[in-house]
Amino acid sequence: MTTTFAPPPPLHRSATPLLHDFLEASAARLPDKIALVCKGARVTYGELDRQANALAHALVAAGVERGDRVVIFADNTVETVVSFWGVMKANAIVSIVNPLTKADKLTYYLNDCRAKVLITDMHLASVFVESAPKAPHLVRTIVSGAFDGSKLGAVTHPVSWAETLATGGALAERGAHSAHVKGGPPGRRCLDLDLAAIIYTSGSTGDPKGVMLTHRNMLTAGTSISTYLEMKEHDVVLGVLPLAFDYGLYQLIMTFRVGGRLVLERSFAFPAQVLKVMADEKVTGFPGVPTIYAVLAEMKQLKDFDLSSIAFVTNTAAALPVKHITMLRELFPRARIYSMYGLTECKRCTYLPPQDIDRKPTSVGLAIPDTELWIVDEQGQKVGPNVVGQLVIRGATVMKGYWEKPEATAEKLKPGPVPGEYVLYTGDLCRLDDEGYLYFVGRSDDIIKSRGEKVAPKEVEAAITNIPGVKEVAVVGVPDEILGQAVKAFVVLEQGVTMTEKDIMKECQKRLENFMVPRHVAFLDELPKTTTGKIKKTGLAER
């Protein structure tokens, strides 16, 4: 059930910090600095802020009120960046959907959050033309690109991006909607405990869940992460991950917080092209995922690009394989390398300080600033060092819950040590060493039970990934009459490498306990991936 807000009077400008203050502060301080480089466009902080204000006024004029949801279905573009900030300036809740999403899932997203406005691009018309008419709560569809109304069928009230900004810009200049300054945004009506965004999980099993994040959640996460990364105003950060993916989205948030420059690319599908952009723009921050680093490891022409400007490299989800650490060190000898771990429900849990990467290469590090963590057993009791259990997270980054899914929320958010508070039970199995460094073991529902032993797929995957000639690997459990479950590895080899099943098993016997050694090995040309580049294990066991 949705709460309807009566429109309160606008809040005083300094009353409460909100996420879009990151943009507004940088635009006030650095109006003429290039904030965004995307598809040849170079846009200043001042211009981005003006466009976001115009969009916010247009949304309010279309009937968007405090707490309404606006879905952005688009690529990594200037319009997507403007829309992200503009929706929040309109006191609404933003949800970015990956442009690779199919029509049935887009329909689900629109109806699940009861989106009032859809912001999209003309080149995605084949998808949203099918979905938008099935979303009864939509009152407007804003379309960027080469607008052609004849191709939009029964789409709800379609209007072009250009017309939207022109209308909103005129309203801003008139000081409409209780704006405090002519040309500024509509009046501020949110508190920092109001929702800023809904980020949908991938939904590999069942329907996707919408992670509800408040302004405070996202402000805290953006500040904490950019602080330990030592991000500065002079930084130029590469964004190749989808803005629909929280790791990609936070590159935008953190870069704009410090007044840096974001170089936004659609993807890493054409690595040589992206590397040229990195060299030309003198990128200093390179956020990636293991699949990107696996591609880099195979490239023969890396030395053709001057990447000496790279000052920090980041990885999240799990510890970097040792061979990737070695490769990144060789490629970026002066860069700080951060291995990190997190999940959408709290953004980021830990980071490994670069000075510890040799000492503890398989660790994902310490709790990020302003966060506490501990490990509990199956009864919910805290356990000591080197005992595997479920990871619990406490802090202001912990989500508000799953959108309109109280049962799923109750499974994750449980009472914490302070009366009235809730902490996040991650569902991830981890351990802490004697110094408080965290080691990721596996997802609780991902553990393989073989020969009466529990096998963590991540541990087997790490061992196989470090075998010379292996590019990627995914490990799953398959039914076995004797073992209960047998360990099966799906392996992708580097180009030109030939290996057999026995070769992999022999190497595993050197690296793993006997019960962890795969009983079956299959070689694939590529592993299935989600739209965010993560390896997708769903259905692998049946192969």
Protein backbone atom coordinates (compact mmCIF):
# COMPACT_ATOMS: atom_id res chain seq x y z
CA MET A 1 0.00 0.00 0.00
CA THR A 2 1.42 3.37 -0.99
CA THR A 3 1.43 6.36 1.33
CA THR A 4 0.10 9.53 -0.26
CA PHE A 5 1.95 12.63 0.88
CA ALA A 6 0.14 15.90 1.32
CA PRO A 7 2.34 18.55 -0.33
CA PRO A 8 4.12 20.22 2.61
CA PRO A 9 5.66 23.65 2.32
CA PRO A 10 9.16 23.59 0.82
CA LEU A 11 11.92 22.88 3.31
CA HIS A 12 14.60 25.43 4.01
CA ARG A 13 17.56 24.86 1.70
CA SER A 14 19.92 23.76 4.49
CA ALA A 15 17.31 21.80 6.44
CA THR A 16 18.46 18.30 5.48
CA PRO A 17 21.14 16.92 3.15
CA LEU A 18 19.88 15.07 0.10
CA LEU A 19 21.74 13.04 -2.50
CA HIS A 20 21.44 15.60 -5.30
CA ASP A 21 23.33 18.08 -3.11
CA PHE A 22 26.43 16.37 -4.53
CA LEU A 23 25.58 17.76 -7.98
CA GLU A 24 24.34 21.13 -6.73
CA ALA A 25 27.43 21.76 -4.57
CA SER A 26 29.83 20.91 -7.39
CA ALA A 27 27.81 23.00 -9.88
CA ALA A 28 27.91 25.99 -7.52
CA ARG A 29 31.66 25.62 -6.94
CA LEU A 30 32.77 24.48 -10.41
CA PRO A 31 30.06 25.59 -12.89
CA ASP A 32 32.35 25.67 -15.93
CA LYS A 33 34.25 22.46 -15.24
CA ILE A 34 33.60 19.47 -17.52
CA ALA A 35 31.68 17.00 -15.38
CA LEU A 36 30.73 14.40 -17.99
CA VAL A 37 32.29 13.05 -21.19
CA CYS A 38 29.92 10.80 -23.12
CA LYS A 39 29.66 9.91 -26.82
CA GLY A 40 31.73 12.92 -27.81
CA ALA A 41 29.72 15.32 -25.65
CA ARG A 42 31.53 17.31 -22.96
CA VAL A 43 29.06 18.73 -20.44
CA THR A 44 29.84 21.09 -17.58
CA TYR A 45 28.53 20.88 -14.03
CA GLY A 46 26.57 24.08 -14.57
CA GLU A 47 24.83 22.76 -17.68
CA LEU A 48 24.02 19.39 -16.12
CA ASP A 49 22.50 21.15 -13.13
CA ARG A 50 20.41 23.45 -15.35
CA GLN A 51 19.11 20.51 -17.38
CA ALA A 52 18.31 18.53 -14.24
CA ASN A 53 16.39 21.54 -12.85
CA ALA A 54 14.45 21.87 -16.10
CA LEU A 55 13.56 18.17 -16.09
CA ALA A 56 12.47 18.39 -12.45
CA HIS A 57 10.08 21.26 -13.22
CA ALA A 58 8.68 19.37 -16.21
CA LEU A 59 8.06 16.30 -14.05
CA VAL A 60 6.27 18.35 -11.39
CA ALA A 61 4.15 19.99 -14.09
CA ALA A 62 3.23 16.51 -15.36
CA GLY A 63 1.86 15.64 -11.92
CA VAL A 64 4.86 13.98 -10.28
CA GLU A 65 4.67 14.44 -6.51
CA ARG A 66 6.85 13.62 -3.54
CA GLY A 67 7.41 9.86 -3.34
CA ASP A 68 6.25 9.05 -6.89
CA ARG A 69 8.42 6.64 -8.87
CA VAL A 70 10.07 7.43 -12.19
CA VAL A 71 11.68 4.67 -14.25
CA ILE A 72 14.66 5.43 -16.52
CA PHE A 73 15.03 2.81 -19.24
CA ALA A 74 18.11 3.89 -21.16
CA ASP A 75 21.79 3.38 -21.97
CA ASN A 76 24.69 5.18 -20.31
CA THR A 77 23.96 8.60 -21.84
CA VAL A 78 23.94 12.28 -20.93
CA GLU A 79 20.15 12.09 -20.72
CA THR A 80 20.35 9.23 -18.21
CA VAL A 81 22.70 11.23 -16.00
CA VAL A 82 20.47 14.33 -16.18
CA SER A 83 17.40 12.18 -15.47
CA PHE A 84 18.94 10.54 -12.39
CA TRP A 85 19.50 13.90 -10.73
CA GLY A 86 16.35 15.54 -12.14
CA VAL A 87 14.01 12.90 -10.72
CA MET A 88 15.34 13.48 -7.21
CA LYS A 89 15.16 17.25 -7.64
CA ALA A 90 11.45 16.68 -8.37
CA ASN A 91 11.19 14.99 -4.92
CA ALA A 92 10.52 11.66 -6.62
CA ILE A 93 12.13 8.19 -6.48
CA VAL A 94 14.34 7.06 -9.34
CA SER A 95 14.74 3.53 -10.71
CA ILE A 96 17.18 2.92 -13.58
CA VAL A 97 16.51 -0.17 -15.70
CA ASN A 98 19.16 -1.83 -17.85
CA PRO A 99 18.60 -1.12 -21.58
CA LEU A 100 19.05 -4.83 -22.36
CA THR A 101 15.86 -5.60 -20.41
CA LYS A 102 13.15 -7.35 -22.41
CA ALA A 103 9.56 -6.14 -22.70
CA ASP A 104 7.99 -8.54 -20.19
CA LYS A 105 10.47 -7.64 -17.47
CA LEU A 106 10.17 -3.91 -18.18
CA THR A 107 6.41 -4.30 -17.81
CA TYR A 108 7.02 -5.99 -14.46
CA TYR A 109 9.24 -3.14 -13.23
CA LEU A 110 6.79 -0.43 -14.33
CA ASN A 111 3.88 -2.13 -12.61
CA ASP A 112 5.75 -3.35 -9.53
CA CYS A 113 6.76 0.17 -8.49
CA ARG A 114 3.70 1.75 -10.19
CA ALA A 115 5.86 4.20 -12.11
CA LYS A 116 4.24 7.53 -12.90
CA VAL A 117 6.70 8.52 -15.64
CA LEU A 118 8.94 6.53 -17.96
CA ILE A 119 12.08 8.20 -19.35
CA THR A 120 13.60 6.30 -22.28
CA ASP A 121 15.19 6.57 -25.73
CA MET A 122 13.76 6.17 -29.20
CA HIS A 123 16.11 3.36 -30.14
CA LEU A 124 14.48 1.22 -27.42
CA ALA A 125 10.98 1.74 -28.85
CA SER A 126 10.58 -1.91 -29.84
CA VAL A 127 10.63 -2.75 -26.13
CA PHE A 128 8.84 0.13 -24.40
CA VAL A 129 6.09 0.42 -27.03
CA GLU A 130 5.03 -3.04 -25.88
CA SER A 131 5.47 -2.39 -22.15
CA ALA A 132 4.23 1.18 -21.55
CA PRO A 133 0.58 0.58 -22.58
CA LYS A 134 0.43 -2.24 -20.00
CA ALA A 135 1.43 0.11 -17.16
CA PRO A 136 -1.77 1.89 -16.07
CA HIS A 137 -0.05 4.22 -13.60
CA LEU A 138 2.04 5.96 -16.26
CA VAL A 139 0.98 9.51 -17.03
CA ARG A 140 3.86 10.44 -19.35
CA THR A 141 6.63 8.87 -21.43
CA ILE A 142 9.64 11.12 -22.12
CA VAL A 143 11.64 9.96 -25.14
CA SER A 144 15.14 11.12 -26.06
CA GLY A 145 16.79 10.57 -29.43
CA ALA A 146 15.18 11.02 -32.85
CA PHE A 147 11.59 11.39 -31.64
CA ASP A 148 9.00 9.88 -34.00
CA GLY A 149 5.49 9.84 -32.59
CA SER A 150 4.21 7.67 -35.45
CA LYS A 151 6.22 4.74 -34.08
CA LEU A 152 5.01 5.03 -30.51
CA GLY A 153 1.61 3.40 -30.86
CA ALA A 154 -0.41 3.38 -27.64
CA VAL A 155 2.44 4.67 -25.45
CA THR A 156 1.08 6.91 -22.68
CA HIS A 157 1.39 10.63 -23.48
CA PRO A 158 4.75 10.52 -25.31
CA VAL A 159 6.78 13.74 -25.40
CA SER A 160 10.28 14.41 -26.70
CA TRP A 161 13.27 15.09 -24.47
CA ALA A 162 13.87 18.44 -26.15
CA GLU A 163 10.29 19.60 -25.60
CA THR A 164 10.41 18.41 -21.98
CA LEU A 165 13.54 20.43 -21.20
CA ALA A 166 12.22 23.49 -23.02
CA THR A 167 8.97 23.39 -21.04
CA GLY A 168 10.75 22.74 -17.75
CA GLY A 169 13.38 25.39 -18.42
CA ALA A 170 10.71 28.03 -18.95
CA LEU A 171 9.01 27.04 -15.69
CA ALA A 172 12.33 27.23 -13.86
CA GLU A 173 13.00 30.74 -15.17
CA ARG A 174 9.57 31.85 -13.94
CA GLY A 175 10.37 30.47 -10.48
CA ALA A 176 7.50 28.01 -10.68
CA HIS A 177 6.70 25.25 -8.17
CA SER A 178 7.94 27.18 -5.17
CA ALA A 179 11.54 27.22 -6.31
CA HIS A 180 13.70 29.36 -4.06
CA VAL A 181 15.73 30.81 -6.93
CA LYS A 182 14.67 31.49 -10.50
CA GLY A 183 16.33 28.90 -12.69
CA GLY A 184 16.73 26.61 -9.68
CA PRO A 185 14.97 23.33 -8.88
CA PRO A 186 11.43 22.92 -7.56
CA GLY A 187 10.96 23.43 -3.82
CA ARG A 188 12.60 20.78 -1.68
CA ARG A 189 10.02 18.59 0.05
CA CYS A 190 12.02 15.49 1.05
CA LEU A 191 13.92 14.51 4.15
CA ASP A 192 17.04 12.38 4.07
CA LEU A 193 15.04 9.42 5.35
CA ASP A 194 12.82 9.51 2.24
CA LEU A 195 13.52 7.08 -0.58
CA ALA A 196 15.89 8.29 -3.28
CA ALA A 197 16.05 5.15 -5.43
CA ILE A 198 14.75 1.66 -6.01
CA ILE A 199 17.42 -0.63 -7.44
CA TYR A 200 16.13 -3.96 -8.70
CA THR A 201 18.15 -7.08 -8.03
CA SER A 202 18.85 -9.40 -10.93
CA GLY A 203 16.17 -11.88 -9.86
CA SER A 204 17.95 -15.08 -10.93
CA THR A 205 15.31 -16.96 -8.91
CA GLY A 206 11.75 -15.65 -8.74
CA ASP A 207 10.67 -12.09 -9.45
CA PRO A 208 13.23 -9.28 -9.09
CA LYS A 209 13.15 -7.44 -5.78
CA GLY A 210 13.33 -3.67 -5.54
CA VAL A 211 15.95 -2.59 -3.00
CA MET A 212 14.70 0.62 -1.34
CA LEU A 213 17.47 3.13 -0.65
CA THR A 214 17.00 6.41 1.16
CA HIS A 215 18.90 9.64 0.54
CA ARG A 216 20.75 8.93 3.80
CA ASN A 217 21.69 5.43 2.62
CA MET A 218 23.17 6.73 -0.62
CA LEU A 219 24.78 9.84 0.87
CA THR A 220 26.53 7.70 3.47
CA ALA A 221 27.69 5.10 0.95
CA GLY A 222 28.93 7.68 -1.55
CA THR A 223 30.82 9.59 1.13
CA SER A 224 32.30 6.52 2.80
CA ILE A 225 33.55 4.86 -0.41
CA SER A 226 34.92 7.99 -2.07
CA THR A 227 36.74 8.81 1.20
CA TYR A 228 38.64 5.54 1.51
CA LEU A 229 39.35 5.56 -2.25
CA GLU A 230 40.92 8.99 -1.65
CA MET A 231 39.01 10.48 -4.57
CA LYS A 232 39.80 14.10 -5.39
CA GLU A 233 38.56 16.90 -7.62
CA HIS A 234 41.23 16.18 -10.22
CA ASP A 235 40.11 12.55 -10.66
CA VAL A 236 38.80 11.34 -14.02
CA VAL A 237 36.76 8.16 -13.51
CA LEU A 238 35.85 5.63 -16.18
CA GLY A 239 32.24 4.39 -16.20
CA VAL A 240 31.73 1.29 -18.39
CA LEU A 241 29.30 -0.52 -16.11
CA PRO A 242 25.56 0.13 -16.59
CA LEU A 243 24.13 2.94 -14.47
CA ALA A 244 21.33 0.46 -13.71
CA PHE A 245 23.98 -1.56 -11.81
CA ASP A 246 24.70 -0.01 -8.40
CA TYR A 247 28.46 -0.32 -8.86
CA GLY A 248 28.15 1.67 -12.09
CA LEU A 249 25.74 4.19 -10.58
CA TYR A 250 28.02 4.97 -7.64
CA GLN A 251 30.82 5.98 -10.02
CA LEU A 252 28.54 8.85 -11.04
CA ILE A 253 27.55 9.68 -7.46
CA MET A 254 31.08 9.62 -6.04
CA THR A 255 32.68 11.49 -8.93
CA PHE A 256 30.12 14.28 -8.70
CA ARG A 257 30.54 14.41 -4.93
CA VAL A 258 34.22 15.37 -5.26
CA GLY A 259 33.78 17.52 -8.38
CA GLY A 260 35.67 15.11 -10.63
CA ARG A 261 35.00 14.10 -14.22
CA LEU A 262 33.10 10.98 -15.32
CA VAL A 263 34.01 9.42 -18.66
CA LEU A 264 30.88 7.42 -19.45
CA GLU A 265 30.98 4.57 -21.97
CA ARG A 266 28.16 2.25 -22.96
CA SER A 267 30.08 -0.93 -22.01
CA PHE A 268 33.42 -2.70 -22.28
CA ALA A 269 32.31 -4.66 -25.36
CA PHE A 270 35.01 -3.02 -27.50
CA PRO A 271 37.97 -2.93 -25.10
CA ALA A 272 40.51 -1.40 -27.50
CA GLN A 273 38.17 1.52 -28.14
CA VAL A 274 37.62 2.04 -24.40
CA LEU A 275 41.35 1.86 -23.67
CA LYS A 276 41.95 4.57 -26.26
CA VAL A 277 39.39 6.78 -24.53
CA MET A 278 41.07 6.07 -21.19
CA ALA A 279 44.43 7.14 -22.60
CA ASP A 280 43.03 10.23 -24.35
CA GLU A 281 41.09 11.41 -21.28
CA LYS A 282 43.92 10.55 -18.87
CA VAL A 283 41.60 8.47 -16.70
CA THR A 284 42.75 8.16 -13.08
CA GLY A 285 40.06 5.81 -11.68
CA PHE A 286 39.29 2.43 -13.27
CA PRO A 287 36.37 0.50 -11.66
CA GLY A 288 35.99 -3.01 -13.04
CA VAL A 289 34.70 -6.51 -12.44
CA PRO A 290 36.48 -9.86 -12.88
CA THR A 291 35.05 -10.35 -16.38
CA ILE A 292 36.64 -7.05 -17.51
CA TYR A 293 39.99 -7.99 -16.01
CA ALA A 294 39.80 -11.41 -17.69
CA VAL A 295 39.43 -9.63 -21.06
CA LEU A 296 42.38 -7.34 -20.27
CA ALA A 297 44.55 -10.33 -19.37
CA GLU A 298 44.09 -11.71 -22.90
CA MET A 299 44.75 -8.50 -24.81
CA LYS A 300 48.07 -8.44 -26.65
CA GLN A 301 48.02 -4.72 -27.53
CA LEU A 302 47.78 -3.31 -24.00
CA LYS A 303 51.22 -1.75 -24.31
CA ASP A 304 49.92 0.30 -27.26
CA PHE A 305 48.01 2.53 -24.83
CA ASP A 306 49.45 5.04 -22.39
CA LEU A 307 47.58 4.23 -19.17
CA SER A 308 50.13 5.80 -16.84
CA SER A 309 47.51 8.22 -15.47
CA ILE A 310 45.62 5.43 -13.65
CA ALA A 311 45.87 6.12 -9.92
CA PHE A 312 43.38 3.58 -8.53
CA VAL A 313 41.69 0.38 -9.69
CA THR A 314 38.67 -1.11 -7.93
CA ASN A 315 36.96 -4.49 -7.94
CA THR A 316 33.89 -5.54 -6.01
CA ALA A 317 31.75 -8.62 -5.24
CA ALA A 318 34.67 -10.87 -4.20
CA ALA A 319 38.42 -10.92 -3.74
CA LEU A 320 40.46 -10.47 -6.90
CA PRO A 321 42.14 -13.66 -8.14
CA VAL A 322 45.87 -13.48 -7.45
CA LYS A 323 46.70 -13.64 -11.15
CA HIS A 324 44.47 -10.62 -11.78
CA ILE A 325 46.27 -8.73 -9.01
CA THR A 326 49.58 -9.55 -10.70
CA MET A 327 48.25 -8.48 -14.10
CA LEU A 328 46.85 -5.20 -12.76
CA ARG A 329 50.12 -4.45 -10.99
CA GLU A 330 52.03 -4.90 -14.25
CA LEU A 331 49.53 -2.85 -16.23
CA PHE A 332 49.13 -0.05 -13.65
CA PRO A 333 52.38 -0.10 -11.63
CA ARG A 334 51.64 3.16 -9.80
CA ALA A 335 47.98 2.48 -9.06
CA ARG A 336 46.32 1.66 -5.75
CA ILE A 337 44.44 -1.63 -6.18
CA TYR A 338 41.29 -2.08 -4.09
CA SER A 339 39.61 -5.45 -3.65
CA MET A 340 36.13 -4.85 -2.25
CA TYR A 341 32.95 -6.68 -1.33
CA GLY A 342 29.35 -5.61 -1.11
CA LEU A 343 25.76 -6.24 -2.10
CA THR A 344 22.97 -4.01 -3.34
CA GLU A 345 21.16 -4.19 0.01
CA CYS A 346 23.89 -2.11 1.68
CA LYS A 347 26.02 -1.05 -1.29
CA ARG A 348 29.45 -1.84 0.17
CA CYS A 349 30.58 -3.84 3.20
CA THR A 350 34.37 -4.02 3.10
CA TYR A 351 37.49 -2.91 1.30
CA LEU A 352 41.05 -4.21 1.41
CA PRO A 353 43.52 -1.36 1.90
CA PRO A 354 46.00 -1.48 -1.00
CA GLN A 355 48.93 -1.88 1.39
CA ASP A 356 47.42 -5.18 2.60
CA ILE A 357 46.87 -6.82 -0.78
CA ASP A 358 50.13 -8.78 -0.69
CA ARG A 359 49.74 -9.75 2.96
CA LYS A 360 46.11 -10.88 2.64
CA PRO A 361 45.41 -11.37 -1.10
CA THR A 362 42.33 -13.57 -0.58
CA SER A 363 40.65 -11.21 1.90
CA VAL A 364 38.00 -8.65 0.98
CA GLY A 365 39.23 -6.45 3.79
CA LEU A 366 37.89 -4.38 6.65
CA ALA A 367 34.53 -2.74 7.26
CA ILE A 368 34.15 0.48 5.29
CA PRO A 369 33.97 3.74 7.31
CA ASP A 370 30.73 4.16 9.32
CA THR A 371 29.91 0.44 9.11
CA GLU A 372 30.08 -2.44 11.59
CA LEU A 373 30.04 -6.15 10.77
CA TRP A 374 30.14 -9.49 12.55
CA ILE A 375 29.56 -13.19 11.89
CA VAL A 376 26.75 -15.28 13.40
CA ASP A 377 26.01 -19.01 13.52
CA GLU A 378 22.74 -20.68 12.54
CA GLN A 379 21.24 -19.67 15.89
CA GLY A 380 22.13 -16.02 15.33
CA GLN A 381 24.89 -15.98 17.94
CA LYS A 382 28.17 -14.15 17.27
CA VAL A 383 31.13 -16.43 16.57
CA GLY A 384 34.84 -15.91 17.05
CA PRO A 385 37.71 -15.60 14.55
CA ASN A 386 38.11 -18.13 11.72
CA VAL A 387 34.61 -19.58 12.18
CA VAL A 388 32.42 -19.57 9.06
CA GLY A 389 28.96 -18.11 9.51
CA GLN A 390 26.53 -15.56 8.13
CA LEU A 391 27.72 -11.98 7.71
CA VAL A 392 25.68 -9.26 9.45
CA ILE A 393 26.00 -5.57 8.54
CA ARG A 394 25.08 -2.56 10.70
CA GLY A 395 25.17 1.03 9.50
CA ALA A 396 23.43 3.84 7.67
CA THR A 397 23.99 2.18 4.27
CA VAL A 398 21.61 -0.70 5.09
CA MET A 399 18.53 -0.62 2.85
CA LYS A 400 15.05 0.34 4.00
CA GLY A 401 13.78 -3.01 2.72
CA TYR A 402 12.44 -4.59 -0.45
CA TRP A 403 9.71 -2.64 -2.21
CA GLU A 404 6.34 -4.03 -1.08
CA LYS A 405 7.84 -7.40 -0.13
CA PRO A 406 7.50 -7.55 3.68
CA GLU A 407 8.27 -11.27 3.99
CA ALA A 408 11.47 -11.00 1.95
CA THR A 409 12.38 -7.89 3.94
CA ALA A 410 11.88 -9.69 7.25
CA GLU A 411 14.29 -12.42 6.15
CA LYS A 412 17.06 -9.85 5.64
CA LEU A 413 16.39 -7.11 8.20
CA LYS A 414 16.36 -8.29 11.80
CA PRO A 415 16.55 -6.47 15.17
CA GLY A 416 20.03 -5.16 15.97
CA PRO A 417 21.89 -4.51 19.23
CA VAL A 418 20.20 -1.14 19.77
CA PRO A 419 16.45 -1.35 20.54
CA GLY A 420 14.35 -0.33 17.55
CA GLU A 421 17.09 -0.68 14.94
CA TYR A 422 17.43 -3.29 12.18
CA VAL A 423 20.59 -4.83 10.78
CA LEU A 424 21.19 -6.69 7.53
CA TYR A 425 21.55 -10.45 7.54
CA THR A 426 23.30 -10.80 4.19
CA GLY A 427 22.83 -14.52 3.56
CA ASP A 428 26.55 -14.66 2.70
CA LEU A 429 28.89 -17.07 4.44
CA CYS A 430 32.13 -15.45 5.55
CA ARG A 431 34.78 -15.60 8.25
CA LEU A 432 36.90 -13.04 10.06
CA ASP A 433 40.56 -13.64 10.83
CA ASP A 434 42.32 -12.71 14.08
CA GLU A 435 42.91 -9.15 12.81
CA GLY A 436 39.29 -8.56 11.78
CA TYR A 437 39.81 -9.00 8.02
CA LEU A 438 36.87 -10.56 6.19
CA TYR A 439 37.02 -13.58 3.87
CA PHE A 440 34.07 -14.33 1.60
CA VAL A 441 33.23 -18.05 1.52
CA GLY A 442 30.01 -18.22 -0.51
CA ARG A 443 26.31 -17.56 -0.68
CA SER A 444 24.42 -19.59 1.89
CA ASP A 445 22.17 -21.02 -0.84
CA ASP A 446 25.19 -21.66 -3.10
CA ILE A 447 27.08 -24.12 -0.85
CA ILE A 448 27.63 -27.60 -2.29
CA LYS A 449 27.22 -30.51 0.12
CA SER A 450 29.48 -33.34 -1.08
CA ARG A 451 30.62 -36.42 0.86
CA GLY A 452 29.15 -34.84 3.98
CA GLU A 453 31.42 -31.81 3.56
CA LYS A 454 30.44 -28.27 2.68
CA VAL A 455 32.17 -26.95 -0.44
CA ALA A 456 32.22 -23.21 -1.18
CA PRO A 457 32.13 -22.72 -4.97
CA LYS A 458 34.07 -19.45 -4.63
CA GLU A 459 37.01 -21.29 -3.10
CA VAL A 460 37.13 -23.82 -5.93
CA GLU A 461 36.67 -21.08 -8.51
CA ALA A 462 39.55 -19.08 -7.04
CA ALA A 463 41.85 -22.11 -7.26
CA ILE A 464 40.94 -22.89 -10.87
CA THR A 465 41.10 -19.24 -11.98
CA ASN A 466 44.72 -19.13 -10.84
CA ILE A 467 45.68 -22.05 -13.09
CA PRO A 468 47.72 -20.61 -16.01
CA GLY A 469 45.63 -20.63 -19.18
CA VAL A 470 42.23 -20.40 -17.46
CA LYS A 471 40.20 -17.31 -18.31
CA GLU A 472 36.98 -17.83 -16.34
CA VAL A 473 35.28 -20.54 -14.32
CA ALA A 474 31.94 -21.26 -12.69
CA VAL A 475 31.47 -24.06 -10.15
CA VAL A 476 28.12 -25.65 -9.28
CA GLY A 477 26.82 -28.74 -7.53
CA VAL A 478 25.19 -31.52 -9.58
CA PRO A 479 23.17 -34.50 -8.26
CA ASP A 480 25.22 -37.61 -7.46
CA GLU A 481 23.80 -40.89 -6.09
CA ILE A 482 26.84 -41.56 -3.91
CA LEU A 483 28.10 -38.08 -2.98
CA GLY A 484 24.73 -36.33 -2.70
CA GLN A 485 26.19 -33.54 -4.78
CA ALA A 486 29.28 -33.59 -6.95
CA VAL A 487 31.41 -30.57 -7.74
CA LYS A 488 31.31 -29.60 -11.42
CA ALA A 489 33.46 -26.87 -12.97
CA PHE A 490 32.66 -25.06 -16.20
CA VAL A 491 35.91 -23.65 -17.58
CA VAL A 492 36.68 -21.08 -20.28
CA LEU A 493 40.28 -21.18 -21.50
CA GLU A 494 42.35 -18.30 -22.78
CA GLN A 495 42.77 -18.05 -26.54
CA GLY A 496 45.18 -20.63 -27.94
CA VAL A 497 45.31 -22.69 -24.73
CA THR A 498 44.54 -26.41 -24.77
CA MET A 499 43.80 -28.33 -21.57
CA THR A 500 41.96 -31.49 -20.67
CA GLU A 501 39.67 -32.43 -17.80
CA LYS A 502 42.55 -34.36 -16.22
CA ASP A 503 44.81 -31.31 -16.45
CA ILE A 504 42.32 -29.22 -14.46
CA MET A 505 41.78 -31.95 -11.85
CA LYS A 506 45.53 -32.47 -11.44
CA GLU A 507 46.05 -28.76 -10.80
CA CYS A 508 43.10 -28.70 -8.38
CA GLN A 509 44.61 -31.59 -6.40
CA LYS A 510 47.65 -29.39 -5.79
CA ARG A 511 45.53 -26.47 -4.58
CA LEU A 512 42.46 -27.93 -2.86
CA GLU A 513 41.39 -30.49 -0.29
CA ASN A 514 40.30 -33.77 -1.88
CA PHE A 515 36.58 -33.27 -1.27
CA MET A 516 36.75 -29.89 -3.10
CA VAL A 517 38.36 -31.23 -6.28
CA PRO A 518 35.78 -31.19 -9.12
CA ARG A 519 34.45 -34.59 -10.10
CA HIS A 520 33.42 -33.19 -13.49
CA VAL A 521 34.95 -30.53 -15.71
CA ALA A 522 33.29 -29.09 -18.83
CA PHE A 523 34.88 -26.63 -21.24
CA LEU A 524 32.80 -23.82 -22.71
CA ASP A 525 33.58 -21.09 -25.24
CA GLU A 526 31.98 -18.58 -22.87
CA LEU A 527 30.02 -18.51 -19.64
CA PRO A 528 26.47 -17.14 -19.51
CA LYS A 529 26.37 -13.62 -18.04
CA THR A 530 23.77 -11.34 -16.53
CA THR A 531 23.19 -7.91 -18.07
CA THR A 532 25.65 -6.46 -15.54
CA GLY A 533 28.45 -8.81 -16.59
CA LYS A 534 28.23 -11.22 -13.64
CA ILE A 535 28.54 -14.93 -14.34
CA LYS A 536 25.07 -16.48 -14.36
CA LYS A 537 24.96 -20.00 -12.93
CA THR A 538 21.23 -20.58 -13.40
CA GLY A 539 20.79 -23.68 -15.59
CA LEU A 540 24.49 -24.61 -15.68
CA ALA A 541 23.94 -27.73 -13.58
CA GLU A 542 21.68 -29.16 -16.29
CA ARG A 543 24.36 -28.88 -19.01
